Each structure stands twice: as C-alpha cells, then as structure tokens.
Amino acid sequence: MILATLVLAAALPATAAPSAGLHYLVGTWSCTYRAGAVRLPYGSTYAYERDGHTLRQIASWAGGGDEELLAHDARQGGWTAVVLDQGSATILRSKGSDPNHIAYRSVYPDASIAETFDRISATEYQLHATVRSGGKTITSVDTCLRDAR
C-alpha cells in the first residue's frame, strides 16, 4: 500500500518546489562567522542534488568543514536540514515555505540550536544562530557574499 501511494505521488503533476527559490545560492560564497570576539572566515559552495529537490552546501575553513543537505517537505509543511560535521549529525526543522526567511530549530540530537537564514539580496545572506552548550549560550552571525562569477 505504501509503495502504491509513493508511485501515485510521483505520477502527480509537479509544482514548483520552494527549494527553487534558493537557486540563487548555487555557486561559491565567501562567509564570515562571528561570535563575540571570534571571527572565522570560511568558503561555502552550493549545488542541487536529487533532481533539484535537495540543495547541498559544502563549507570549508582552516582545519575543518561540514556538509549540509536542505530540502522542503510539502507534506510536513516545512524545511529540513541535515548537517554532517566532523563525524556528527544535526537535524534542523522549520515550518513554512518561504525560501528567503527560514527559522530552524534543531530536533536531533537535541533542541539546543535555533538558526535563522535570511536572504539579504541575490549576493548576500545571513545566518543568525543561538546554541546552548555546556551551560553557556553562544550567539553568532554568519554573513556570506557571493564570489565573483
């Protein structure tokens, strides 16, 4: 029964996915993470995967990096991001379909992260995050600018 439902859903006419609104992200970006006195520059590259339904981000900085997969789930009415970072994974979820403002909360391994993605323009976006860890709260802002094409 589940297989028949999935086949039927795949056969239905497709509508423009909310993730199409993130197409401007495809390419390379130069970013800076700031939290208090800490400043960390990093590079970020975006590309679509899975027939354009998933956006993959690969970030790299001196001594590290991570990978993120982002998709919109119309049945759940929101976004899901899976971040793979130095041998661990974090899953974040957000309600709604606006690709220009996505307010996430972590759901795995715990609910210690709140992160908001805001599109500033076609060449700039920001991430505002609050992370609770070890009895401390860390607030950060990442600013990313599109690299020259």
N, C-alpha and C. Protein backbone atom coordinates (compact mmCIF):
# COMPACT_ATOMS: atom_id res chain seq x y z
N MET A 1 0.82 -1.19 0.00
CA MET A 1 0.00 0.00 0.00
C MET A 1 0.87 1.26 0.00
N ILE A 2 1.91 1.27 0.83
CA ILE A 2 2.78 2.44 0.88
C ILE A 2 3.47 2.64 -0.46
N LEU A 3 3.93 1.55 -1.09
CA LEU A 3 4.60 1.66 -2.38
C LEU A 3 3.66 2.23 -3.42
N ALA A 4 2.39 1.79 -3.43
CA ALA A 4 1.41 2.31 -4.38
C ALA A 4 1.19 3.80 -4.17
N THR A 5 1.14 4.23 -2.93
CA THR A 5 0.96 5.65 -2.62
C THR A 5 2.15 6.46 -3.13
N LEU A 6 3.36 5.93 -2.93
CA LEU A 6 4.55 6.64 -3.40
C LEU A 6 4.58 6.72 -4.91
N VAL A 7 4.19 5.65 -5.59
CA VAL A 7 4.16 5.66 -7.05
C VAL A 7 3.13 6.67 -7.54
N LEU A 8 1.96 6.70 -6.92
CA LEU A 8 0.92 7.65 -7.30
C LEU A 8 1.40 9.08 -7.08
N ALA A 9 2.03 9.34 -5.94
CA ALA A 9 2.53 10.68 -5.65
C ALA A 9 3.57 11.11 -6.67
N ALA A 10 4.40 10.19 -7.11
CA ALA A 10 5.43 10.51 -8.10
C ALA A 10 4.81 10.81 -9.45
N ALA A 11 3.63 10.25 -9.74
CA ALA A 11 3.00 10.45 -11.03
C ALA A 11 2.18 11.74 -11.11
N LEU A 12 1.89 12.35 -9.98
CA LEU A 12 1.10 13.58 -9.97
C LEU A 12 1.90 14.73 -10.58
N PRO A 13 1.22 15.70 -11.20
CA PRO A 13 1.95 16.82 -11.79
C PRO A 13 2.74 17.58 -10.72
N ALA A 14 3.95 17.93 -11.08
CA ALA A 14 4.82 18.63 -10.13
C ALA A 14 4.54 20.12 -10.16
N THR A 15 4.62 20.73 -9.00
CA THR A 15 4.54 22.18 -8.91
C THR A 15 5.94 22.68 -8.57
N ALA A 16 6.17 23.95 -8.75
CA ALA A 16 7.50 24.50 -8.44
C ALA A 16 7.79 24.28 -6.96
N ALA A 17 8.90 23.63 -6.71
CA ALA A 17 9.29 23.35 -5.32
C ALA A 17 9.79 24.63 -4.66
N PRO A 18 9.49 24.83 -3.37
CA PRO A 18 10.02 26.00 -2.68
C PRO A 18 11.54 26.09 -2.75
N SER A 19 12.21 24.93 -2.85
CA SER A 19 13.67 24.96 -2.94
C SER A 19 14.15 25.65 -4.21
N ALA A 20 13.28 25.77 -5.23
CA ALA A 20 13.66 26.50 -6.44
C ALA A 20 13.94 27.97 -6.11
N GLY A 21 13.33 28.48 -5.05
CA GLY A 21 13.57 29.85 -4.62
C GLY A 21 14.96 30.06 -4.05
N LEU A 22 15.69 28.97 -3.84
CA LEU A 22 17.07 29.06 -3.34
C LEU A 22 18.10 28.92 -4.45
N HIS A 23 17.63 28.90 -5.71
CA HIS A 23 18.55 28.70 -6.83
C HIS A 23 19.68 29.73 -6.87
N TYR A 24 19.42 30.94 -6.41
CA TYR A 24 20.46 31.98 -6.40
C TYR A 24 21.67 31.56 -5.57
N LEU A 25 21.50 30.61 -4.65
CA LEU A 25 22.62 30.17 -3.82
C LEU A 25 23.63 29.31 -4.58
N VAL A 26 23.22 28.69 -5.68
CA VAL A 26 24.12 27.80 -6.42
C VAL A 26 25.37 28.55 -6.84
N GLY A 27 26.52 28.00 -6.46
CA GLY A 27 27.81 28.62 -6.74
C GLY A 27 28.63 28.71 -5.46
N THR A 28 29.61 29.61 -5.48
CA THR A 28 30.51 29.72 -4.33
C THR A 28 30.31 31.05 -3.60
N TRP A 29 30.54 30.99 -2.29
CA TRP A 29 30.32 32.13 -1.41
C TRP A 29 31.50 32.26 -0.46
N SER A 30 31.80 33.48 -0.05
CA SER A 30 32.79 33.76 0.99
C SER A 30 32.03 34.23 2.21
N CYS A 31 32.26 33.55 3.33
CA CYS A 31 31.48 33.80 4.53
C CYS A 31 32.39 34.13 5.72
N THR A 32 31.79 34.78 6.71
CA THR A 32 32.48 35.05 7.96
C THR A 32 31.53 34.76 9.11
N TYR A 33 31.98 33.88 10.01
CA TYR A 33 31.27 33.55 11.24
C TYR A 33 31.78 34.49 12.32
N ARG A 34 30.85 35.10 13.09
CA ARG A 34 31.23 35.97 14.20
C ARG A 34 30.42 35.60 15.43
N ALA A 35 31.14 35.40 16.52
CA ALA A 35 30.51 35.13 17.82
C ALA A 35 31.39 35.80 18.86
N GLY A 36 30.93 36.90 19.43
CA GLY A 36 31.76 37.66 20.37
C GLY A 36 33.03 38.12 19.66
N ALA A 37 34.18 37.83 20.25
CA ALA A 37 35.46 38.23 19.65
C ALA A 37 35.96 37.24 18.60
N VAL A 38 35.27 36.11 18.45
CA VAL A 38 35.69 35.08 17.49
C VAL A 38 35.22 35.46 16.09
N ARG A 39 36.13 35.37 15.15
CA ARG A 39 35.84 35.64 13.74
C ARG A 39 36.48 34.52 12.93
N LEU A 40 35.69 33.81 12.11
CA LEU A 40 36.20 32.69 11.34
C LEU A 40 35.73 32.80 9.89
N PRO A 41 36.66 33.06 8.97
CA PRO A 41 36.27 33.07 7.56
C PRO A 41 36.15 31.64 7.03
N TYR A 42 35.21 31.42 6.12
CA TYR A 42 35.06 30.11 5.50
C TYR A 42 34.45 30.25 4.11
N GLY A 43 34.64 29.23 3.31
CA GLY A 43 34.06 29.19 1.97
C GLY A 43 32.88 28.24 1.97
N SER A 44 31.92 28.51 1.10
CA SER A 44 30.73 27.70 1.00
C SER A 44 30.35 27.52 -0.46
N THR A 45 30.01 26.30 -0.84
CA THR A 45 29.61 26.00 -2.22
C THR A 45 28.26 25.29 -2.18
N TYR A 46 27.34 25.73 -3.05
CA TYR A 46 26.01 25.14 -3.13
C TYR A 46 25.80 24.51 -4.50
N ALA A 47 25.10 23.38 -4.52
CA ALA A 47 24.71 22.71 -5.76
C ALA A 47 23.45 21.90 -5.49
N TYR A 48 22.60 21.76 -6.53
CA TYR A 48 21.40 20.93 -6.38
C TYR A 48 21.74 19.46 -6.56
N GLU A 49 21.03 18.62 -5.83
CA GLU A 49 21.15 17.16 -5.90
C GLU A 49 19.75 16.58 -6.05
N ARG A 50 19.67 15.29 -6.28
CA ARG A 50 18.41 14.56 -6.31
C ARG A 50 17.37 15.23 -7.19
N ASP A 51 17.73 15.43 -8.45
CA ASP A 51 16.83 16.03 -9.44
C ASP A 51 16.32 17.41 -9.03
N GLY A 52 17.15 18.17 -8.34
CA GLY A 52 16.79 19.53 -7.96
C GLY A 52 15.92 19.65 -6.73
N HIS A 53 15.71 18.56 -6.01
CA HIS A 53 14.86 18.60 -4.82
C HIS A 53 15.64 18.84 -3.54
N THR A 54 16.95 18.70 -3.61
CA THR A 54 17.79 18.86 -2.42
C THR A 54 18.94 19.80 -2.76
N LEU A 55 19.20 20.75 -1.89
CA LEU A 55 20.32 21.67 -2.06
C LEU A 55 21.44 21.21 -1.13
N ARG A 56 22.62 21.00 -1.71
CA ARG A 56 23.79 20.57 -0.93
C ARG A 56 24.72 21.76 -0.74
N GLN A 57 25.13 21.98 0.51
CA GLN A 57 26.11 23.01 0.84
C GLN A 57 27.34 22.30 1.40
N ILE A 58 28.50 22.67 0.88
CA ILE A 58 29.75 22.19 1.44
C ILE A 58 30.52 23.42 1.91
N ALA A 59 30.81 23.46 3.20
CA ALA A 59 31.54 24.58 3.80
C ALA A 59 32.92 24.09 4.22
N SER A 60 33.93 24.95 4.05
CA SER A 60 35.28 24.58 4.48
C SER A 60 35.98 25.79 5.07
N TRP A 61 36.75 25.52 6.12
CA TRP A 61 37.53 26.55 6.80
C TRP A 61 38.85 25.93 7.22
N ALA A 62 39.76 26.77 7.65
CA ALA A 62 41.07 26.26 8.07
C ALA A 62 40.89 25.20 9.15
N GLY A 63 41.28 23.98 8.85
CA GLY A 63 41.20 22.90 9.83
C GLY A 63 39.88 22.18 9.90
N GLY A 64 38.93 22.46 9.01
CA GLY A 64 37.66 21.77 9.12
C GLY A 64 36.70 22.05 7.99
N GLY A 65 35.47 21.59 8.21
CA GLY A 65 34.41 21.78 7.23
C GLY A 65 33.19 20.98 7.61
N ASP A 66 32.11 21.21 6.88
CA ASP A 66 30.90 20.42 7.08
C ASP A 66 30.11 20.36 5.79
N GLU A 67 29.07 19.57 5.82
CA GLU A 67 28.21 19.41 4.66
C GLU A 67 26.77 19.47 5.14
N GLU A 68 25.91 20.13 4.36
CA GLU A 68 24.51 20.27 4.73
C GLU A 68 23.64 19.91 3.54
N LEU A 69 22.57 19.20 3.81
CA LEU A 69 21.55 18.89 2.81
C LEU A 69 20.27 19.58 3.24
N LEU A 70 19.65 20.30 2.32
CA LEU A 70 18.45 21.09 2.62
C LEU A 70 17.35 20.73 1.64
N ALA A 71 16.16 20.46 2.16
CA ALA A 71 15.01 20.16 1.30
C ALA A 71 13.74 20.68 1.96
N HIS A 72 12.74 20.93 1.10
CA HIS A 72 11.43 21.33 1.60
C HIS A 72 10.51 20.12 1.52
N ASP A 73 9.81 19.84 2.61
CA ASP A 73 8.89 18.71 2.68
C ASP A 73 7.48 19.27 2.69
N ALA A 74 6.81 19.22 1.54
CA ALA A 74 5.48 19.79 1.42
C ALA A 74 4.47 19.10 2.33
N ARG A 75 4.63 17.79 2.53
CA ARG A 75 3.68 17.06 3.40
C ARG A 75 3.78 17.54 4.84
N GLN A 76 4.98 17.84 5.29
CA GLN A 76 5.18 18.33 6.66
C GLN A 76 5.06 19.85 6.74
N GLY A 77 5.06 20.51 5.58
CA GLY A 77 4.91 21.96 5.55
C GLY A 77 6.10 22.72 6.08
N GLY A 78 7.31 22.24 5.73
CA GLY A 78 8.48 22.95 6.21
C GLY A 78 9.78 22.44 5.62
N TRP A 79 10.86 23.01 6.10
CA TRP A 79 12.21 22.70 5.64
C TRP A 79 12.88 21.73 6.60
N THR A 80 13.75 20.90 6.05
CA THR A 80 14.60 20.03 6.86
C THR A 80 16.03 20.21 6.39
N ALA A 81 16.94 20.40 7.34
CA ALA A 81 18.37 20.50 7.05
C ALA A 81 19.08 19.42 7.85
N VAL A 82 19.96 18.70 7.18
CA VAL A 82 20.79 17.70 7.83
C VAL A 82 22.23 18.17 7.70
N VAL A 83 22.89 18.39 8.83
CA VAL A 83 24.27 18.89 8.83
C VAL A 83 25.19 17.78 9.31
N LEU A 84 26.18 17.46 8.48
CA LEU A 84 27.19 16.46 8.82
C LEU A 84 28.47 17.21 9.13
N ASP A 85 28.93 17.10 10.37
CA ASP A 85 30.02 17.95 10.84
C ASP A 85 31.01 17.15 11.67
N GLN A 86 32.20 16.90 11.13
CA GLN A 86 33.27 16.26 11.89
C GLN A 86 32.82 15.00 12.61
N GLY A 87 32.12 14.11 11.92
CA GLY A 87 31.72 12.84 12.50
C GLY A 87 30.41 12.86 13.27
N SER A 88 29.69 13.97 13.29
CA SER A 88 28.40 14.02 13.96
C SER A 88 27.34 14.54 12.99
N ALA A 89 26.09 14.40 13.37
CA ALA A 89 24.99 14.87 12.54
C ALA A 89 24.02 15.67 13.39
N THR A 90 23.46 16.70 12.78
CA THR A 90 22.42 17.51 13.42
C THR A 90 21.28 17.65 12.41
N ILE A 91 20.05 17.51 12.89
CA ILE A 91 18.88 17.70 12.03
C ILE A 91 18.12 18.90 12.56
N LEU A 92 17.81 19.83 11.63
CA LEU A 92 17.06 21.03 11.98
C LEU A 92 15.77 21.06 11.15
N ARG A 93 14.71 21.60 11.73
CA ARG A 93 13.43 21.70 11.02
C ARG A 93 12.87 23.11 11.16
N SER A 94 12.08 23.48 10.14
CA SER A 94 11.44 24.78 10.12
C SER A 94 10.07 24.65 9.47
N LYS A 95 9.11 25.39 9.95
CA LYS A 95 7.78 25.41 9.33
C LYS A 95 7.76 26.46 8.22
N GLY A 96 6.84 26.30 7.28
CA GLY A 96 6.65 27.28 6.22
C GLY A 96 7.40 26.92 4.95
N SER A 97 7.25 27.77 3.93
CA SER A 97 7.87 27.50 2.64
C SER A 97 8.64 28.70 2.09
N ASP A 98 8.76 29.77 2.85
CA ASP A 98 9.47 30.96 2.38
C ASP A 98 10.96 30.68 2.28
N PRO A 99 11.53 30.69 1.06
CA PRO A 99 12.96 30.41 0.93
C PRO A 99 13.85 31.60 1.31
N ASN A 100 13.25 32.75 1.60
CA ASN A 100 14.03 33.94 1.94
C ASN A 100 14.20 34.14 3.44
N HIS A 101 13.41 33.43 4.23
CA HIS A 101 13.49 33.52 5.70
C HIS A 101 13.11 32.15 6.26
N ILE A 102 14.10 31.43 6.76
CA ILE A 102 13.88 30.09 7.29
C ILE A 102 14.36 30.07 8.74
N ALA A 103 13.43 29.86 9.67
CA ALA A 103 13.76 29.84 11.10
C ALA A 103 13.76 28.40 11.59
N TYR A 104 14.95 27.84 11.77
CA TYR A 104 15.13 26.44 12.16
C TYR A 104 15.22 26.27 13.67
N ARG A 105 14.89 25.05 14.10
CA ARG A 105 15.17 24.56 15.46
C ARG A 105 15.75 23.16 15.28
N SER A 106 16.77 22.86 16.05
CA SER A 106 17.32 21.51 15.96
C SER A 106 16.36 20.53 16.62
N VAL A 107 16.27 19.33 16.03
CA VAL A 107 15.43 18.28 16.59
C VAL A 107 16.24 17.03 16.91
N TYR A 108 17.46 16.97 16.41
CA TYR A 108 18.36 15.84 16.68
C TYR A 108 19.79 16.34 16.66
N PRO A 109 20.63 16.01 17.57
CA PRO A 109 20.41 15.09 18.68
C PRO A 109 19.65 15.71 19.84
N ASP A 110 19.46 17.04 19.83
CA ASP A 110 18.69 17.69 20.88
C ASP A 110 18.14 19.00 20.31
N ALA A 111 17.50 19.79 21.15
CA ALA A 111 16.88 21.04 20.71
C ALA A 111 17.69 22.26 21.14
N SER A 112 19.01 22.16 21.08
CA SER A 112 19.87 23.22 21.60
C SER A 112 20.21 24.32 20.60
N ILE A 113 19.76 24.19 19.34
CA ILE A 113 20.15 25.15 18.30
C ILE A 113 18.91 25.82 17.73
N ALA A 114 18.98 27.14 17.60
CA ALA A 114 18.00 27.92 16.86
C ALA A 114 18.79 28.71 15.82
N GLU A 115 18.41 28.58 14.56
CA GLU A 115 19.15 29.26 13.49
C GLU A 115 18.17 29.83 12.49
N THR A 116 18.43 31.07 12.07
CA THR A 116 17.58 31.72 11.09
C THR A 116 18.41 32.10 9.87
N PHE A 117 17.93 31.68 8.71
CA PHE A 117 18.53 32.03 7.43
C PHE A 117 17.74 33.21 6.87
N ASP A 118 18.44 34.30 6.48
CA ASP A 118 17.79 35.45 5.88
C ASP A 118 18.50 35.85 4.61
N ARG A 119 17.75 35.87 3.50
CA ARG A 119 18.29 36.37 2.24
C ARG A 119 18.27 37.89 2.31
N ILE A 120 19.44 38.50 2.14
CA ILE A 120 19.55 39.96 2.14
C ILE A 120 19.37 40.46 0.71
N SER A 121 20.02 39.78 -0.24
CA SER A 121 19.92 40.12 -1.66
C SER A 121 20.35 38.89 -2.45
N ALA A 122 20.44 39.02 -3.77
CA ALA A 122 20.90 37.89 -4.60
C ALA A 122 22.37 37.59 -4.38
N THR A 123 23.08 38.49 -3.69
CA THR A 123 24.52 38.30 -3.48
C THR A 123 24.92 38.27 -2.01
N GLU A 124 23.93 38.24 -1.11
CA GLU A 124 24.25 38.23 0.32
C GLU A 124 23.15 37.52 1.11
N TYR A 125 23.58 36.73 2.09
CA TYR A 125 22.65 36.16 3.06
C TYR A 125 23.32 36.12 4.43
N GLN A 126 22.48 35.99 5.46
CA GLN A 126 22.99 35.91 6.82
C GLN A 126 22.35 34.74 7.55
N LEU A 127 23.10 34.17 8.49
CA LEU A 127 22.62 33.16 9.41
C LEU A 127 22.75 33.73 10.82
N HIS A 128 21.68 33.72 11.58
CA HIS A 128 21.69 34.15 12.97
C HIS A 128 21.43 32.91 13.80
N ALA A 129 22.34 32.58 14.71
CA ALA A 129 22.19 31.35 15.48
C ALA A 129 22.37 31.57 16.97
N THR A 130 21.68 30.74 17.73
CA THR A 130 21.85 30.67 19.18
C THR A 130 22.02 29.19 19.50
N VAL A 131 23.13 28.88 20.19
CA VAL A 131 23.44 27.50 20.54
C VAL A 131 23.64 27.42 22.05
N ARG A 132 22.96 26.48 22.69
CA ARG A 132 23.15 26.22 24.12
C ARG A 132 24.04 25.00 24.26
N SER A 133 25.16 25.16 24.95
CA SER A 133 26.09 24.05 25.12
C SER A 133 26.88 24.22 26.42
N GLY A 134 26.93 23.19 27.22
CA GLY A 134 27.71 23.22 28.46
C GLY A 134 27.31 24.33 29.40
N GLY A 135 26.02 24.64 29.47
CA GLY A 135 25.56 25.68 30.36
C GLY A 135 25.76 27.09 29.84
N LYS A 136 26.29 27.22 28.62
CA LYS A 136 26.52 28.54 28.02
C LYS A 136 25.63 28.70 26.79
N THR A 137 25.35 29.95 26.47
CA THR A 137 24.62 30.27 25.25
C THR A 137 25.54 31.08 24.34
N ILE A 138 25.70 30.61 23.12
CA ILE A 138 26.55 31.28 22.14
C ILE A 138 25.65 31.84 21.05
N THR A 139 25.77 33.13 20.80
CA THR A 139 25.03 33.80 19.75
C THR A 139 26.00 34.17 18.65
N SER A 140 25.63 33.86 17.41
CA SER A 140 26.54 34.13 16.30
C SER A 140 25.79 34.68 15.10
N VAL A 141 26.55 35.31 14.21
CA VAL A 141 26.03 35.79 12.93
C VAL A 141 27.05 35.41 11.87
N ASP A 142 26.57 34.75 10.83
CA ASP A 142 27.39 34.46 9.64
C ASP A 142 26.91 35.38 8.54
N THR A 143 27.83 36.04 7.86
CA THR A 143 27.50 36.85 6.70
C THR A 143 28.21 36.25 5.51
N CYS A 144 27.46 36.00 4.44
CA CYS A 144 28.01 35.37 3.25
C CYS A 144 27.76 36.24 2.03
N LEU A 145 28.82 36.40 1.22
CA LEU A 145 28.76 37.19 0.00
C LEU A 145 29.13 36.30 -1.18
N ARG A 146 28.36 36.42 -2.26
CA ARG A 146 28.62 35.62 -3.46
C ARG A 146 29.98 35.99 -4.03
N ASP A 147 30.75 34.95 -4.38
CA ASP A 147 32.03 35.17 -5.05
C ASP A 147 31.79 35.67 -6.46
N ALA A 148 32.71 36.46 -6.98
CA ALA A 148 32.57 36.95 -8.36
C ALA A 148 32.51 35.77 -9.31
N ARG A 149 31.67 35.86 -10.28
CA ARG A 149 31.50 34.74 -11.24
C ARG A 149 32.53 34.79 -12.32
